[in-house]
């Protein structure tokens, strides 16, 4: 099974935080590369656990993924923008 999963990297203090917003998984590292490897390992562990529990397909579908051939991909927005909400 193959997955196409987006990650975002943020600098927080002295570390880099890597986030997979689609699965709500995050990790960190002292460098960008370490953060990417670390979040990749966290995603792999999450997927393995879901497979062992027999819930992987349900979890992915509920997270907005669909399977196309042998690749699970997240839904693509038709529009992305920042919205300013004033109070």
C-alpha atoms as a PDB file:
ATOM      1  CA  UNK A   1       0.000   0.000   0.000  1.00  0.00           C
ATOM      2  CA  UNK A   2       1.255   3.478  -0.860  1.00  0.00           C
ATOM      3  CA  UNK A   3       0.200   6.769   0.706  1.00  0.00           C
ATOM      4  CA  UNK A   4       0.430  10.370  -0.415  1.00  0.00           C
ATOM      5  CA  UNK A   5       0.531  12.334   2.846  1.00  0.00           C
ATOM      6  CA  UNK A   6       1.183  16.066   3.183  1.00  0.00           C
ATOM      7  CA  UNK A   7       3.499  17.326   5.908  1.00  0.00           C
ATOM      8  CA  UNK A   8       4.194  20.848   7.119  1.00  0.00           C
ATOM      9  CA  UNK A   9       7.360  21.974   8.915  1.00  0.00           C
ATOM     10  CA  UNK A  10       7.429  24.790  11.483  1.00  0.00           C
ATOM     11  CA  UNK A  11      10.281  26.295  13.478  1.00  0.00           C
ATOM     12  CA  UNK A  12       9.385  26.441  17.176  1.00  0.00           C
ATOM     13  CA  UNK A  13      12.164  27.709  19.384  1.00  0.00           C
ATOM     14  CA  UNK A  14      15.237  25.553  18.789  1.00  0.00           C
ATOM     15  CA  UNK A  15      13.437  22.656  17.067  1.00  0.00           C
ATOM     16  CA  UNK A  16      11.593  21.970  13.855  1.00  0.00           C
ATOM     17  CA  UNK A  17       8.095  20.550  14.218  1.00  0.00           C
ATOM     18  CA  UNK A  18       6.720  18.378  11.431  1.00  0.00           C
ATOM     19  CA  UNK A  19       2.951  18.002  11.191  1.00  0.00           C
ATOM     20  CA  UNK A  20       0.750  15.776   9.075  1.00  0.00           C
ATOM     21  CA  UNK A  21      -2.498  17.773   9.254  1.00  0.00           C
ATOM     22  CA  UNK A  22      -4.429  15.100   7.356  1.00  0.00           C
ATOM     23  CA  UNK A  23      -3.781  12.509  10.087  1.00  0.00           C
ATOM     24  CA  UNK A  24      -3.154  14.944  12.976  1.00  0.00           C
ATOM     25  CA  UNK A  25       0.270  13.417  13.657  1.00  0.00           C
ATOM     26  CA  UNK A  26       3.303  15.472  14.596  1.00  0.00           C
ATOM     27  CA  UNK A  27       6.902  15.012  15.638  1.00  0.00           C
ATOM     28  CA  UNK A  28      10.075  17.103  15.796  1.00  0.00           C
ATOM     29  CA  UNK A  29      13.806  17.221  15.173  1.00  0.00           C
ATOM     30  CA  UNK A  30      16.804  19.487  15.560  1.00  0.00           C
ATOM     31  CA  UNK A  31      16.945  19.897  11.756  1.00  0.00           C
ATOM     32  CA  UNK A  32      14.315  19.932   9.036  1.00  0.00           C
ATOM     33  CA  UNK A  33      15.525  16.538   7.809  1.00  0.00           C
ATOM     34  CA  UNK A  34      15.354  15.043  11.329  1.00  0.00           C
ATOM     35  CA  UNK A  35      11.806  16.371  11.715  1.00  0.00           C
ATOM     36  CA  UNK A  36      10.788  14.841   8.371  1.00  0.00           C
ATOM     37  CA  UNK A  37      12.264  11.457   9.297  1.00  0.00           C
ATOM     38  CA  UNK A  38      10.688  11.605  12.748  1.00  0.00           C
ATOM     39  CA  UNK A  39       7.180  12.393  11.488  1.00  0.00           C
ATOM     40  CA  UNK A  40       7.586   9.711   8.811  1.00  0.00           C
ATOM     41  CA  UNK A  41       8.336   7.169  11.537  1.00  0.00           C
ATOM     42  CA  UNK A  42       5.342   8.366  13.575  1.00  0.00           C
ATOM     43  CA  UNK A  43       3.067   8.024  10.517  1.00  0.00           C
ATOM     44  CA  UNK A  44       4.410   4.530   9.810  1.00  0.00           C
ATOM     45  CA  UNK A  45       3.793   3.485  13.438  1.00  0.00           C
ATOM     46  CA  UNK A  46       0.242   4.887  13.262  1.00  0.00           C
ATOM     47  CA  UNK A  47      -0.468   2.998  10.027  1.00  0.00           C
ATOM     48  CA  UNK A  48       0.982  -0.243  11.429  1.00  0.00           C
ATOM     49  CA  UNK A  49      -1.178   0.055  14.555  1.00  0.00           C
ATOM     50  CA  UNK A  50      -4.303   0.687  12.471  1.00  0.00           C
ATOM     51  CA  UNK A  51      -3.462  -2.329  10.281  1.00  0.00           C
ATOM     52  CA  UNK A  52      -3.041  -4.548  13.347  1.00  0.00           C
ATOM     53  CA  UNK A  53      -6.401  -3.366  14.700  1.00  0.00           C
ATOM     54  CA  UNK A  54      -8.050  -3.876  11.299  1.00  0.00           C
ATOM     55  CA  UNK A  55      -9.187  -0.242  11.129  1.00  0.00           C
ATOM     56  CA  UNK A  56      -6.803   1.286   8.576  1.00  0.00           C
ATOM     57  CA  UNK A  57      -9.266   1.698   5.701  1.00  0.00           C
ATOM     58  CA  UNK A  58     -11.948   3.161   7.962  1.00  0.00           C
ATOM     59  CA  UNK A  59      -9.498   5.593   9.582  1.00  0.00           C
ATOM     60  CA  UNK A  60      -8.158   6.728   6.209  1.00  0.00           C
ATOM     61  CA  UNK A  61     -11.637   7.200   4.740  1.00  0.00           C
ATOM     62  CA  UNK A  62     -12.796   9.153   7.799  1.00  0.00           C
ATOM     63  CA  UNK A  63      -9.680  11.335   7.452  1.00  0.00           C
ATOM     64  CA  UNK A  64     -10.593  12.247   3.867  1.00  0.00           C
ATOM     65  CA  UNK A  65      -8.484   9.725   1.947  1.00  0.00           C
ATOM     66  CA  UNK A  66      -9.644   7.612  -0.964  1.00  0.00           C
ATOM     67  CA  UNK A  67      -7.895   4.811  -2.792  1.00  0.00           C
ATOM     68  CA  UNK A  68      -6.987   5.170  -6.461  1.00  0.00           C
ATOM     69  CA  UNK A  69      -5.399   1.977  -7.774  1.00  0.00           C
ATOM     70  CA  UNK A  70      -2.760   1.170  -5.119  1.00  0.00           C
ATOM     71  CA  UNK A  71      -2.336   4.712  -3.741  1.00  0.00           C
ATOM     72  CA  UNK A  72      -4.301   6.287  -0.900  1.00  0.00           C
ATOM     73  CA  UNK A  73      -4.590  10.033  -1.539  1.00  0.00           C
ATOM     74  CA  UNK A  74      -6.162  12.804   0.500  1.00  0.00           C
ATOM     75  CA  UNK A  75      -8.986  14.800  -1.020  1.00  0.00           C
ATOM     76  CA  UNK A  76      -7.832  17.905  -2.862  1.00  0.00           C
ATOM     77  CA  UNK A  77      -9.535  21.215  -2.056  1.00  0.00           C
ATOM     78  CA  UNK A  78     -10.921  23.235  -4.923  1.00  0.00           C
ATOM     79  CA  UNK A  79      -9.916  26.384  -3.021  1.00  0.00           C
ATOM     80  CA  UNK A  80      -7.478  27.180  -0.215  1.00  0.00           C
ATOM     81  CA  UNK A  81      -7.243  30.619   1.340  1.00  0.00           C
ATOM     82  CA  UNK A  82      -6.842  32.354   4.671  1.00  0.00           C
ATOM     83  CA  UNK A  83     -10.011  33.820   6.133  1.00  0.00           C
ATOM     84  CA  UNK A  84      -9.795  36.718   8.575  1.00  0.00           C
ATOM     85  CA  UNK A  85     -12.464  36.487  11.239  1.00  0.00           C
ATOM     86  CA  UNK A  86     -13.043  39.742  13.135  1.00  0.00           C
ATOM     87  CA  UNK A  87     -14.717  39.882  16.537  1.00  0.00           C
END
